Amino acid sequence: MRSSDIRNHLSRFRVGIAGAGGLGSNCAAALARSGVGTLVICDYDVIEPANLSRQYYFTNQVGTLKTIALKENIARINPDIIVLAYTEKLTRTNIPKIYSGCDIIVEAFDRDDMKEMIIETVQSEMPGVPLIVGSGVAGWGNTDSIRCRKIDDTLYVCGDESTEVSEEHPLMAPRVGIAANMQADTVVELLMKKSSDYFRL
């Protein structure tokens, strides 16, 4: 199958990304390079110098809202990608509104309570929409432990599912990047299977 056929297929879809930090920003960049047509990104944080060690931002963007900076960066990768950027805190109430029409949602939060909240919200309020979460990406080495596991028909988890962030195991670019790209790869895999047109290309 030709790359142009794959990109044409992926351009028809809309993918939501909840959080624009290490996982979210790198996953968004990978999806933009793959040709996913529309990205819906929500985050309310601004870029800090410490973020540059693992997030898809640059020194001149420090102090900028992450959603605005990421939209700019994606436009430099592929100006044909539509980016819908929301700068607000995600809640059980606004998640179904912000990600309405998304074919898949990627979870990219730091906090466990936020992860639990979006899983419960998507599964109860947006039945049938696949959700790809990240869990266990801190530290370095042992990359063979990072995997994507299917939990049920619509829930997938990428990471080692055990390594928590600590002073001894900080978040670092290599493992965060591996998990983020694994999330993006899972999105692409699911979207390529979404239509029977894929098998006729």
N, C-alpha and C. Protein backbone atom coordinates (compact mmCIF):
# COMPACT_ATOMS: atom_id res chain seq x y z
N MET A 1 0.84 -1.19 0.00
CA MET A 1 0.00 0.00 0.00
C MET A 1 0.88 1.25 0.00
N ARG A 2 0.53 2.20 -0.83
CA ARG A 2 1.32 3.43 -0.94
C ARG A 2 1.06 4.36 0.23
N SER A 3 2.08 5.15 0.57
CA SER A 3 1.95 6.11 1.67
C SER A 3 0.82 7.10 1.41
N SER A 4 0.67 7.51 0.16
CA SER A 4 -0.38 8.48 -0.17
C SER A 4 -1.77 7.90 0.10
N ASP A 5 -1.96 6.60 -0.14
CA ASP A 5 -3.24 5.96 0.13
C ASP A 5 -3.53 5.93 1.63
N ILE A 6 -2.49 5.65 2.40
CA ILE A 6 -2.65 5.61 3.86
C ILE A 6 -3.00 6.99 4.39
N ARG A 7 -2.30 8.00 3.92
CA ARG A 7 -2.55 9.36 4.39
C ARG A 7 -3.94 9.83 3.98
N ASN A 8 -4.37 9.49 2.78
CA ASN A 8 -5.71 9.87 2.34
C ASN A 8 -6.78 9.23 3.23
N HIS A 9 -6.54 7.99 3.60
CA HIS A 9 -7.48 7.29 4.49
C HIS A 9 -7.51 7.96 5.87
N LEU A 10 -6.33 8.21 6.44
CA LEU A 10 -6.26 8.77 7.78
C LEU A 10 -6.78 10.21 7.85
N SER A 11 -6.71 10.91 6.74
CA SER A 11 -7.14 12.31 6.72
C SER A 11 -8.64 12.48 6.99
N ARG A 12 -9.39 11.41 6.90
CA ARG A 12 -10.84 11.49 7.09
C ARG A 12 -11.25 11.48 8.56
N PHE A 13 -10.30 11.21 9.45
CA PHE A 13 -10.67 10.95 10.84
C PHE A 13 -10.31 12.10 11.78
N ARG A 14 -10.99 12.07 12.93
CA ARG A 14 -10.79 13.07 13.99
C ARG A 14 -10.37 12.34 15.26
N VAL A 15 -9.23 12.77 15.84
CA VAL A 15 -8.70 12.14 17.05
C VAL A 15 -8.59 13.17 18.15
N GLY A 16 -9.10 12.84 19.34
CA GLY A 16 -8.99 13.72 20.49
C GLY A 16 -7.78 13.39 21.33
N ILE A 17 -7.14 14.42 21.87
CA ILE A 17 -6.00 14.23 22.77
C ILE A 17 -6.27 15.01 24.04
N ALA A 18 -6.33 14.30 25.16
CA ALA A 18 -6.63 14.91 26.45
C ALA A 18 -5.34 15.14 27.22
N GLY A 19 -4.83 16.35 27.13
CA GLY A 19 -3.56 16.69 27.75
C GLY A 19 -2.49 16.92 26.69
N ALA A 20 -1.69 17.97 26.87
CA ALA A 20 -0.69 18.32 25.87
C ALA A 20 0.70 18.38 26.48
N GLY A 21 0.97 17.45 27.41
CA GLY A 21 2.30 17.37 28.02
C GLY A 21 3.19 16.41 27.27
N GLY A 22 3.94 15.59 28.01
CA GLY A 22 4.89 14.68 27.36
C GLY A 22 4.23 13.69 26.42
N LEU A 23 3.23 12.98 26.91
CA LEU A 23 2.53 12.02 26.06
C LEU A 23 1.72 12.73 24.99
N GLY A 24 0.92 13.70 25.38
CA GLY A 24 0.00 14.34 24.44
C GLY A 24 0.68 15.08 23.31
N SER A 25 1.71 15.87 23.64
CA SER A 25 2.36 16.67 22.60
C SER A 25 3.11 15.79 21.60
N ASN A 26 3.79 14.76 22.10
CA ASN A 26 4.53 13.87 21.21
C ASN A 26 3.61 12.98 20.40
N CYS A 27 2.51 12.54 21.00
CA CYS A 27 1.53 11.75 20.27
C CYS A 27 0.89 12.59 19.17
N ALA A 28 0.57 13.83 19.47
CA ALA A 28 -0.03 14.72 18.48
C ALA A 28 0.90 14.94 17.28
N ALA A 29 2.18 15.12 17.57
CA ALA A 29 3.15 15.32 16.49
C ALA A 29 3.23 14.08 15.61
N ALA A 30 3.22 12.88 16.22
CA ALA A 30 3.29 11.64 15.45
C ALA A 30 2.04 11.46 14.60
N LEU A 31 0.88 11.80 15.14
CA LEU A 31 -0.36 11.68 14.37
C LEU A 31 -0.41 12.69 13.23
N ALA A 32 0.13 13.88 13.47
CA ALA A 32 0.19 14.88 12.40
C ALA A 32 1.10 14.40 11.27
N ARG A 33 2.23 13.83 11.62
CA ARG A 33 3.15 13.31 10.60
C ARG A 33 2.53 12.13 9.86
N SER A 34 1.64 11.40 10.52
CA SER A 34 0.98 10.25 9.89
C SER A 34 -0.14 10.68 8.97
N GLY A 35 -0.66 11.90 9.17
CA GLY A 35 -1.69 12.41 8.28
C GLY A 35 -3.10 12.37 8.81
N VAL A 36 -3.29 12.13 10.13
CA VAL A 36 -4.64 12.18 10.69
C VAL A 36 -5.21 13.58 10.46
N GLY A 37 -6.41 13.65 9.93
CA GLY A 37 -6.94 14.91 9.41
C GLY A 37 -7.24 15.98 10.43
N THR A 38 -7.83 15.60 11.57
CA THR A 38 -8.23 16.58 12.58
C THR A 38 -7.80 16.10 13.96
N LEU A 39 -7.17 16.99 14.71
CA LEU A 39 -6.78 16.72 16.09
C LEU A 39 -7.51 17.69 17.01
N VAL A 40 -8.15 17.15 18.04
CA VAL A 40 -8.84 17.96 19.04
C VAL A 40 -8.02 17.87 20.32
N ILE A 41 -7.39 18.97 20.71
CA ILE A 41 -6.44 18.96 21.83
C ILE A 41 -6.93 19.89 22.93
N CYS A 42 -6.91 19.38 24.16
CA CYS A 42 -7.33 20.20 25.30
C CYS A 42 -6.31 20.13 26.43
N ASP A 43 -5.92 21.30 26.93
CA ASP A 43 -5.00 21.41 28.06
C ASP A 43 -5.06 22.86 28.52
N TYR A 44 -4.88 23.11 29.81
CA TYR A 44 -4.96 24.49 30.31
C TYR A 44 -3.62 25.01 30.84
N ASP A 45 -2.56 24.22 30.74
CA ASP A 45 -1.26 24.62 31.26
C ASP A 45 -0.47 25.48 30.28
N VAL A 46 0.52 26.19 30.84
CA VAL A 46 1.49 26.91 30.02
C VAL A 46 2.81 26.16 30.05
N ILE A 47 3.64 26.40 29.07
CA ILE A 47 4.93 25.73 28.96
C ILE A 47 5.92 26.31 29.95
N GLU A 48 6.58 25.43 30.69
CA GLU A 48 7.62 25.82 31.64
C GLU A 48 8.96 25.26 31.16
N PRO A 49 10.08 25.87 31.58
CA PRO A 49 11.38 25.38 31.14
C PRO A 49 11.58 23.88 31.38
N ALA A 50 11.08 23.38 32.50
CA ALA A 50 11.27 21.96 32.82
C ALA A 50 10.56 21.05 31.82
N ASN A 51 9.53 21.56 31.15
CA ASN A 51 8.78 20.74 30.18
C ASN A 51 9.62 20.39 28.96
N LEU A 52 10.61 21.19 28.66
CA LEU A 52 11.37 21.02 27.42
C LEU A 52 12.19 19.74 27.39
N SER A 53 12.35 19.10 28.54
CA SER A 53 13.14 17.87 28.58
C SER A 53 12.43 16.68 27.95
N ARG A 54 11.11 16.79 27.76
CA ARG A 54 10.37 15.63 27.25
C ARG A 54 9.14 15.99 26.42
N GLN A 55 8.79 17.27 26.32
CA GLN A 55 7.58 17.66 25.61
C GLN A 55 7.92 18.34 24.29
N TYR A 56 6.99 18.30 23.34
CA TYR A 56 7.27 18.77 21.98
C TYR A 56 7.11 20.29 21.87
N TYR A 57 7.99 21.00 22.60
CA TYR A 57 7.98 22.46 22.57
C TYR A 57 9.42 22.97 22.48
N PHE A 58 9.55 24.31 22.34
CA PHE A 58 10.85 24.91 22.12
C PHE A 58 11.06 26.08 23.08
N THR A 59 12.31 26.48 23.26
CA THR A 59 12.64 27.49 24.27
C THR A 59 11.87 28.79 24.06
N ASN A 60 11.66 29.19 22.82
CA ASN A 60 10.95 30.45 22.58
C ASN A 60 9.46 30.36 22.88
N GLN A 61 8.96 29.15 23.21
CA GLN A 61 7.55 28.99 23.52
C GLN A 61 7.28 28.92 25.03
N VAL A 62 8.32 29.02 25.84
CA VAL A 62 8.13 29.01 27.30
C VAL A 62 7.21 30.18 27.68
N GLY A 63 6.22 29.89 28.52
CA GLY A 63 5.26 30.90 28.93
C GLY A 63 4.00 30.92 28.07
N THR A 64 4.02 30.19 26.96
CA THR A 64 2.87 30.12 26.05
C THR A 64 1.95 28.98 26.48
N LEU A 65 0.66 29.14 26.24
CA LEU A 65 -0.27 28.05 26.49
C LEU A 65 0.13 26.85 25.63
N LYS A 66 0.10 25.66 26.22
CA LYS A 66 0.52 24.47 25.49
C LYS A 66 -0.32 24.23 24.24
N THR A 67 -1.61 24.44 24.34
CA THR A 67 -2.47 24.18 23.18
C THR A 67 -2.13 25.11 22.01
N ILE A 68 -1.84 26.35 22.32
CA ILE A 68 -1.51 27.32 21.26
C ILE A 68 -0.17 26.96 20.62
N ALA A 69 0.82 26.66 21.46
CA ALA A 69 2.14 26.31 20.95
C ALA A 69 2.11 25.02 20.14
N LEU A 70 1.35 24.03 20.62
CA LEU A 70 1.29 22.76 19.91
C LEU A 70 0.59 22.93 18.57
N LYS A 71 -0.42 23.76 18.53
CA LYS A 71 -1.10 24.03 17.25
C LYS A 71 -0.12 24.66 16.26
N GLU A 72 0.72 25.57 16.74
CA GLU A 72 1.74 26.19 15.88
C GLU A 72 2.74 25.15 15.38
N ASN A 73 3.18 24.29 16.28
CA ASN A 73 4.17 23.28 15.91
C ASN A 73 3.61 22.28 14.90
N ILE A 74 2.37 21.89 15.09
CA ILE A 74 1.75 20.95 14.14
C ILE A 74 1.59 21.61 12.77
N ALA A 75 1.29 22.90 12.75
CA ALA A 75 1.18 23.62 11.47
C ALA A 75 2.51 23.62 10.73
N ARG A 76 3.62 23.62 11.46
CA ARG A 76 4.94 23.56 10.82
C ARG A 76 5.23 22.16 10.29
N ILE A 77 4.64 21.14 10.93
CA ILE A 77 4.81 19.77 10.45
C ILE A 77 3.96 19.53 9.22
N ASN A 78 2.68 19.92 9.31
CA ASN A 78 1.74 19.69 8.22
C ASN A 78 0.62 20.72 8.32
N PRO A 79 0.67 21.76 7.50
CA PRO A 79 -0.34 22.83 7.59
C PRO A 79 -1.75 22.38 7.18
N ASP A 80 -1.86 21.19 6.60
CA ASP A 80 -3.19 20.70 6.21
C ASP A 80 -3.95 20.06 7.37
N ILE A 81 -3.25 19.77 8.48
CA ILE A 81 -3.91 19.18 9.63
C ILE A 81 -4.77 20.24 10.32
N ILE A 82 -6.02 19.90 10.60
CA ILE A 82 -6.90 20.80 11.36
C ILE A 82 -6.69 20.54 12.84
N VAL A 83 -6.38 21.58 13.60
CA VAL A 83 -6.20 21.45 15.04
C VAL A 83 -7.24 22.31 15.74
N LEU A 84 -8.09 21.66 16.54
CA LEU A 84 -9.06 22.36 17.36
C LEU A 84 -8.51 22.37 18.78
N ALA A 85 -8.11 23.55 19.25
CA ALA A 85 -7.43 23.68 20.53
C ALA A 85 -8.36 24.28 21.58
N TYR A 86 -8.47 23.60 22.72
CA TYR A 86 -9.29 24.06 23.83
C TYR A 86 -8.40 24.27 25.04
N THR A 87 -8.53 25.43 25.67
CA THR A 87 -7.70 25.75 26.82
C THR A 87 -8.60 25.80 28.05
N GLU A 88 -8.91 24.64 28.60
CA GLU A 88 -9.73 24.55 29.80
C GLU A 88 -9.46 23.21 30.47
N LYS A 89 -9.85 23.11 31.72
CA LYS A 89 -9.67 21.87 32.45
C LYS A 89 -10.77 20.89 32.07
N LEU A 90 -10.38 19.68 31.75
CA LEU A 90 -11.36 18.68 31.35
C LEU A 90 -12.10 18.14 32.57
N THR A 91 -13.42 17.99 32.42
CA THR A 91 -14.29 17.49 33.48
C THR A 91 -15.24 16.46 32.88
N ARG A 92 -15.98 15.80 33.77
CA ARG A 92 -16.98 14.84 33.30
C ARG A 92 -18.04 15.51 32.43
N THR A 93 -18.25 16.80 32.66
CA THR A 93 -19.27 17.54 31.91
C THR A 93 -18.82 17.94 30.52
N ASN A 94 -17.58 18.46 30.40
CA ASN A 94 -17.17 18.99 29.10
C ASN A 94 -16.47 17.99 28.18
N ILE A 95 -16.03 16.85 28.70
CA ILE A 95 -15.36 15.87 27.85
C ILE A 95 -16.24 15.43 26.68
N PRO A 96 -17.51 15.06 26.90
CA PRO A 96 -18.34 14.64 25.76
C PRO A 96 -18.56 15.76 24.75
N LYS A 97 -18.56 17.01 25.21
CA LYS A 97 -18.78 18.14 24.30
C LYS A 97 -17.52 18.41 23.48
N ILE A 98 -16.39 18.50 24.15
CA ILE A 98 -15.14 18.83 23.46
C ILE A 98 -14.75 17.75 22.46
N TYR A 99 -14.93 16.48 22.83
CA TYR A 99 -14.49 15.39 21.97
C TYR A 99 -15.62 14.76 21.16
N SER A 100 -16.72 15.49 21.05
CA SER A 100 -17.83 15.02 20.22
C SER A 100 -17.36 14.84 18.77
N GLY A 101 -17.69 13.72 18.18
CA GLY A 101 -17.29 13.47 16.79
C GLY A 101 -15.93 12.84 16.62
N CYS A 102 -15.20 12.66 17.72
CA CYS A 102 -13.87 12.02 17.62
C CYS A 102 -14.02 10.52 17.41
N ASP A 103 -13.20 9.99 16.54
CA ASP A 103 -13.20 8.55 16.27
C ASP A 103 -12.46 7.78 17.36
N ILE A 104 -11.46 8.42 17.96
CA ILE A 104 -10.65 7.83 19.02
C ILE A 104 -10.20 8.97 19.94
N ILE A 105 -10.00 8.66 21.22
CA ILE A 105 -9.47 9.64 22.16
C ILE A 105 -8.21 9.08 22.80
N VAL A 106 -7.19 9.93 22.94
CA VAL A 106 -5.94 9.57 23.60
C VAL A 106 -5.88 10.29 24.94
N GLU A 107 -5.69 9.55 26.02
CA GLU A 107 -5.53 10.14 27.35
C GLU A 107 -4.06 10.39 27.60
N ALA A 108 -3.74 11.61 28.07
CA ALA A 108 -2.33 11.97 28.28
C ALA A 108 -2.18 12.83 29.54
N PHE A 109 -2.83 12.40 30.62
CA PHE A 109 -2.75 13.11 31.89
C PHE A 109 -1.59 12.61 32.74
N ASP A 110 -1.20 13.43 33.73
CA ASP A 110 -0.18 13.02 34.70
C ASP A 110 -0.81 12.35 35.91
N ARG A 111 -2.00 12.81 36.29
CA ARG A 111 -2.61 12.39 37.56
C ARG A 111 -3.52 11.18 37.38
N ASP A 112 -3.44 10.26 38.35
CA ASP A 112 -4.25 9.05 38.29
C ASP A 112 -5.74 9.34 38.41
N ASP A 113 -6.11 10.35 39.22
CA ASP A 113 -7.53 10.64 39.37
C ASP A 113 -8.13 11.17 38.07
N MET A 114 -7.34 11.91 37.30
CA MET A 114 -7.81 12.41 36.01
C MET A 114 -7.93 11.27 35.00
N LYS A 115 -6.99 10.33 35.05
CA LYS A 115 -7.06 9.16 34.18
C LYS A 115 -8.34 8.38 34.46
N GLU A 116 -8.60 8.15 35.74
CA GLU A 116 -9.80 7.41 36.12
C GLU A 116 -11.06 8.14 35.66
N MET A 117 -11.06 9.46 35.83
CA MET A 117 -12.22 10.27 35.45
C MET A 117 -12.52 10.18 33.96
N ILE A 118 -11.49 10.29 33.11
CA ILE A 118 -11.76 10.26 31.67
C ILE A 118 -12.16 8.87 31.21
N ILE A 119 -11.58 7.83 31.82
CA ILE A 119 -11.98 6.48 31.46
C ILE A 119 -13.46 6.27 31.77
N GLU A 120 -13.86 6.64 32.97
CA GLU A 120 -15.26 6.47 33.36
C GLU A 120 -16.19 7.30 32.49
N THR A 121 -15.77 8.54 32.17
CA THR A 121 -16.63 9.43 31.39
C THR A 121 -16.79 8.95 29.96
N VAL A 122 -15.70 8.59 29.32
CA VAL A 122 -15.78 8.14 27.93
C VAL A 122 -16.57 6.85 27.83
N GLN A 123 -16.33 5.92 28.74
CA GLN A 123 -17.02 4.64 28.64
C GLN A 123 -18.51 4.76 28.95
N SER A 124 -18.89 5.72 29.79
CA SER A 124 -20.31 5.86 30.13
C SER A 124 -21.04 6.83 29.22
N GLU A 125 -20.37 7.91 28.81
CA GLU A 125 -21.04 8.95 28.03
C GLU A 125 -20.75 8.89 26.53
N MET A 126 -19.70 8.17 26.14
CA MET A 126 -19.33 8.08 24.73
C MET A 126 -19.09 6.61 24.37
N PRO A 127 -20.07 5.76 24.58
CA PRO A 127 -19.89 4.33 24.34
C PRO A 127 -19.47 4.03 22.91
N GLY A 128 -18.52 3.11 22.77
CA GLY A 128 -18.05 2.72 21.45
C GLY A 128 -16.84 3.49 20.96
N VAL A 129 -16.50 4.60 21.63
CA VAL A 129 -15.32 5.39 21.22
C VAL A 129 -14.09 4.82 21.89
N PRO A 130 -13.11 4.34 21.14
CA PRO A 130 -11.89 3.79 21.75
C PRO A 130 -11.12 4.87 22.52
N LEU A 131 -10.55 4.48 23.66
CA LEU A 131 -9.75 5.36 24.49
C LEU A 131 -8.41 4.68 24.73
N ILE A 132 -7.33 5.41 24.45
CA ILE A 132 -5.98 4.87 24.60
C ILE A 132 -5.29 5.65 25.70
N VAL A 133 -5.02 5.00 26.82
CA VAL A 133 -4.43 5.68 27.98
C VAL A 133 -2.96 5.33 28.13
N GLY A 134 -2.25 6.16 28.88
CA GLY A 134 -0.84 5.91 29.16
C GLY A 134 -0.65 5.62 30.63
N SER A 135 0.21 4.64 30.95
CA SER A 135 0.44 4.30 32.36
C SER A 135 1.79 3.61 32.52
N GLY A 136 2.66 4.22 33.34
CA GLY A 136 3.96 3.61 33.61
C GLY A 136 5.01 3.97 32.57
N VAL A 137 5.45 5.25 32.56
CA VAL A 137 6.43 5.69 31.56
C VAL A 137 7.64 6.38 32.20
N ALA A 138 7.73 6.36 33.52
CA ALA A 138 8.82 7.08 34.20
C ALA A 138 10.15 6.34 34.10
N GLY A 139 11.21 7.08 34.38
CA GLY A 139 12.54 6.49 34.45
C GLY A 139 13.20 6.27 33.11
N TRP A 140 14.08 5.28 33.05
CA TRP A 140 14.84 5.00 31.83
C TRP A 140 15.10 3.50 31.77
N GLY A 141 15.52 3.03 30.61
CA GLY A 141 15.83 1.61 30.44
C GLY A 141 14.60 0.72 30.50
N ASN A 142 14.84 -0.59 30.41
CA ASN A 142 13.77 -1.58 30.49
C ASN A 142 12.63 -1.27 29.51
N THR A 143 13.00 -0.85 28.31
CA THR A 143 11.98 -0.44 27.35
C THR A 143 11.15 -1.62 26.84
N ASP A 144 11.66 -2.84 26.99
CA ASP A 144 10.87 -3.99 26.56
C ASP A 144 9.60 -4.15 27.38
N SER A 145 9.55 -3.51 28.54
CA SER A 145 8.36 -3.62 29.38
C SER A 145 7.23 -2.70 28.91
N ILE A 146 7.54 -1.74 28.04
CA ILE A 146 6.53 -0.83 27.53
C ILE A 146 5.77 -1.53 26.40
N ARG A 147 4.48 -1.61 26.55
CA ARG A 147 3.67 -2.34 25.58
C ARG A 147 2.30 -1.68 25.49
N CYS A 148 1.52 -2.13 24.53
CA CYS A 148 0.13 -1.70 24.42
C CYS A 148 -0.74 -2.93 24.70
N ARG A 149 -1.63 -2.79 25.68
CA ARG A 149 -2.48 -3.90 26.06
C ARG A 149 -3.95 -3.53 25.89
N LYS A 150 -4.69 -4.39 25.26
CA LYS A 150 -6.13 -4.17 25.09
C LYS A 150 -6.84 -4.65 26.34
N ILE A 151 -7.56 -3.74 26.99
CA ILE A 151 -8.27 -4.06 28.23
C ILE A 151 -9.65 -4.63 27.91
N ASP A 152 -10.38 -3.93 27.03
CA ASP A 152 -11.67 -4.42 26.56
C ASP A 152 -11.89 -3.90 25.14
N ASP A 153 -13.10 -3.94 24.66
CA ASP A 153 -13.35 -3.59 23.25
C ASP A 153 -12.97 -2.16 22.90
N THR A 154 -12.96 -1.25 23.88
CA THR A 154 -12.69 0.15 23.57
C THR A 154 -11.60 0.77 24.43
N LEU A 155 -10.94 0.01 25.28
CA LEU A 155 -9.93 0.58 26.17
C LEU A 155 -8.58 -0.10 25.98
N TYR A 156 -7.55 0.73 25.74
CA TYR A 156 -6.19 0.26 25.54
C TYR A 156 -5.27 1.03 26.49
N VAL A 157 -4.20 0.39 26.96
CA VAL A 157 -3.24 1.08 27.81
C VAL A 157 -1.84 0.87 27.26
N CYS A 158 -1.07 1.97 27.18
CA CYS A 158 0.30 1.93 26.68
C CYS A 158 1.25 2.35 27.81
N GLY A 159 2.27 1.54 28.06
CA GLY A 159 3.24 1.79 29.12
C GLY A 159 3.58 0.48 29.79
N ASP A 160 4.31 0.55 30.90
CA ASP A 160 4.60 -0.70 31.61
C ASP A 160 3.59 -0.96 32.72
N GLU A 161 2.70 0.03 32.95
CA GLU A 161 1.59 -0.06 33.90
C GLU A 161 2.04 -0.19 35.35
N SER A 162 3.30 0.13 35.64
CA SER A 162 3.76 -0.02 37.03
C SER A 162 4.73 1.06 37.47
N THR A 163 5.56 1.59 36.60
CA THR A 163 6.61 2.53 37.01
C THR A 163 6.01 3.91 37.29
N GLU A 164 5.99 4.30 38.56
CA GLU A 164 5.44 5.58 38.95
C GLU A 164 6.53 6.64 39.01
N VAL A 165 6.14 7.88 38.80
CA VAL A 165 7.08 8.99 38.83
C VAL A 165 7.55 9.22 40.26
N SER A 166 8.87 9.38 40.43
CA SER A 166 9.46 9.67 41.74
C SER A 166 10.79 10.38 41.50
N GLU A 167 11.46 10.76 42.59
CA GLU A 167 12.77 11.40 42.44
C GLU A 167 13.76 10.43 41.80
N GLU A 168 13.61 9.15 42.10
CA GLU A 168 14.50 8.15 41.53
C GLU A 168 14.10 7.77 40.10
N HIS A 169 12.84 8.00 39.76
CA HIS A 169 12.31 7.67 38.43
C HIS A 169 11.54 8.85 37.86
N PRO A 170 12.26 9.90 37.42
CA PRO A 170 11.58 11.05 36.83
C PRO A 170 11.10 10.74 35.41
N LEU A 171 10.25 11.61 34.91
CA LEU A 171 9.83 11.48 33.51
C LEU A 171 10.96 11.96 32.62
N MET A 172 11.35 11.14 31.64
CA MET A 172 12.43 11.49 30.72
C MET A 172 11.99 11.21 29.29
N ALA A 173 12.61 11.93 28.37
CA ALA A 173 12.17 11.91 26.98
C ALA A 173 12.12 10.52 26.34
N PRO A 174 13.12 9.65 26.53
CA PRO A 174 13.08 8.38 25.78
C PRO A 174 11.86 7.52 26.06
N ARG A 175 11.59 7.22 27.34
CA ARG A 175 10.45 6.34 27.64
C ARG A 175 9.12 7.04 27.39
N VAL A 176 9.04 8.33 27.70
CA VAL A 176 7.82 9.07 27.39
C VAL A 176 7.55 9.05 25.89
N GLY A 177 8.60 9.27 25.11
CA GLY A 177 8.46 9.27 23.66
C GLY A 177 8.04 7.92 23.10
N ILE A 178 8.59 6.85 23.67
CA ILE A 178 8.21 5.51 23.22
C ILE A 178 6.73 5.27 23.47
N ALA A 179 6.26 5.60 24.67
CA ALA A 179 4.85 5.38 25.00
C ALA A 179 3.94 6.27 24.16
N ALA A 180 4.34 7.53 23.95
CA ALA A 180 3.53 8.45 23.15
C ALA A 180 3.41 7.96 21.72
N ASN A 181 4.50 7.49 21.16
CA ASN A 181 4.46 6.98 19.80
C ASN A 181 3.72 5.65 19.72
N MET A 182 3.76 4.88 20.80
CA MET A 182 2.97 3.65 20.85
C MET A 182 1.48 3.98 20.87
N GLN A 183 1.10 5.03 21.60
CA GLN A 183 -0.29 5.48 21.58
C GLN A 183 -0.69 5.90 20.16
N ALA A 184 0.18 6.67 19.51
CA ALA A 184 -0.11 7.12 18.15
C ALA A 184 -0.21 5.94 17.19
N ASP A 185 0.67 4.97 17.35
CA ASP A 185 0.64 3.80 16.49
C ASP A 185 -0.65 3.01 16.68
N THR A 186 -1.12 2.93 17.91
CA THR A 186 -2.38 2.24 18.18
C THR A 186 -3.54 2.97 17.53
N VAL A 187 -3.51 4.30 17.57
CA VAL A 187 -4.53 5.09 16.87
C VAL A 187 -4.53 4.76 15.38
N VAL A 188 -3.35 4.80 14.78
CA VAL A 188 -3.25 4.52 13.34
C VAL A 188 -3.76 3.11 13.03
N GLU A 189 -3.37 2.14 13.84
CA GLU A 189 -3.80 0.77 13.61
C GLU A 189 -5.33 0.65 13.65
N LEU A 190 -5.94 1.27 14.64
CA LEU A 190 -7.40 1.20 14.76
C LEU A 190 -8.10 1.92 13.62
N LEU A 191 -7.55 3.06 13.21
CA LEU A 191 -8.17 3.81 12.11
C LEU A 191 -8.02 3.09 10.78
N MET A 192 -6.90 2.42 10.59
CA MET A 192 -6.70 1.68 9.34
C MET A 192 -7.65 0.50 9.24
N LYS A 193 -8.12 0.00 10.37
CA LYS A 193 -9.07 -1.11 10.37
C LYS A 193 -10.52 -0.63 10.40
N LYS A 194 -10.71 0.68 10.55
CA LYS A 194 -12.05 1.21 10.79
C LYS A 194 -12.97 1.10 9.58
N SER A 195 -12.40 1.14 8.38
CA SER A 195 -13.22 1.09 7.18
C SER A 195 -12.79 -0.07 6.30
N SER A 196 -13.76 -0.69 5.66
CA SER A 196 -13.43 -1.79 4.73
C SER A 196 -12.69 -1.27 3.51
N ASP A 197 -12.71 0.06 3.32
CA ASP A 197 -11.96 0.64 2.21
C ASP A 197 -10.47 0.34 2.33
N TYR A 198 -10.01 0.19 3.60
CA TYR A 198 -8.59 -0.12 3.84
C TYR A 198 -8.16 -1.38 3.10
N PHE A 199 -9.03 -2.36 3.08
CA PHE A 199 -8.67 -3.64 2.49
C PHE A 199 -8.76 -3.61 0.97
N ARG A 200 -9.31 -2.52 0.40
CA ARG A 200 -9.43 -2.44 -1.06
C ARG A 200 -8.42 -1.48 -1.66
N LEU A 201 -7.63 -0.79 -0.81
CA LEU A 201 -6.66 0.17 -1.33
C LEU A 201 -5.57 -0.52 -2.14
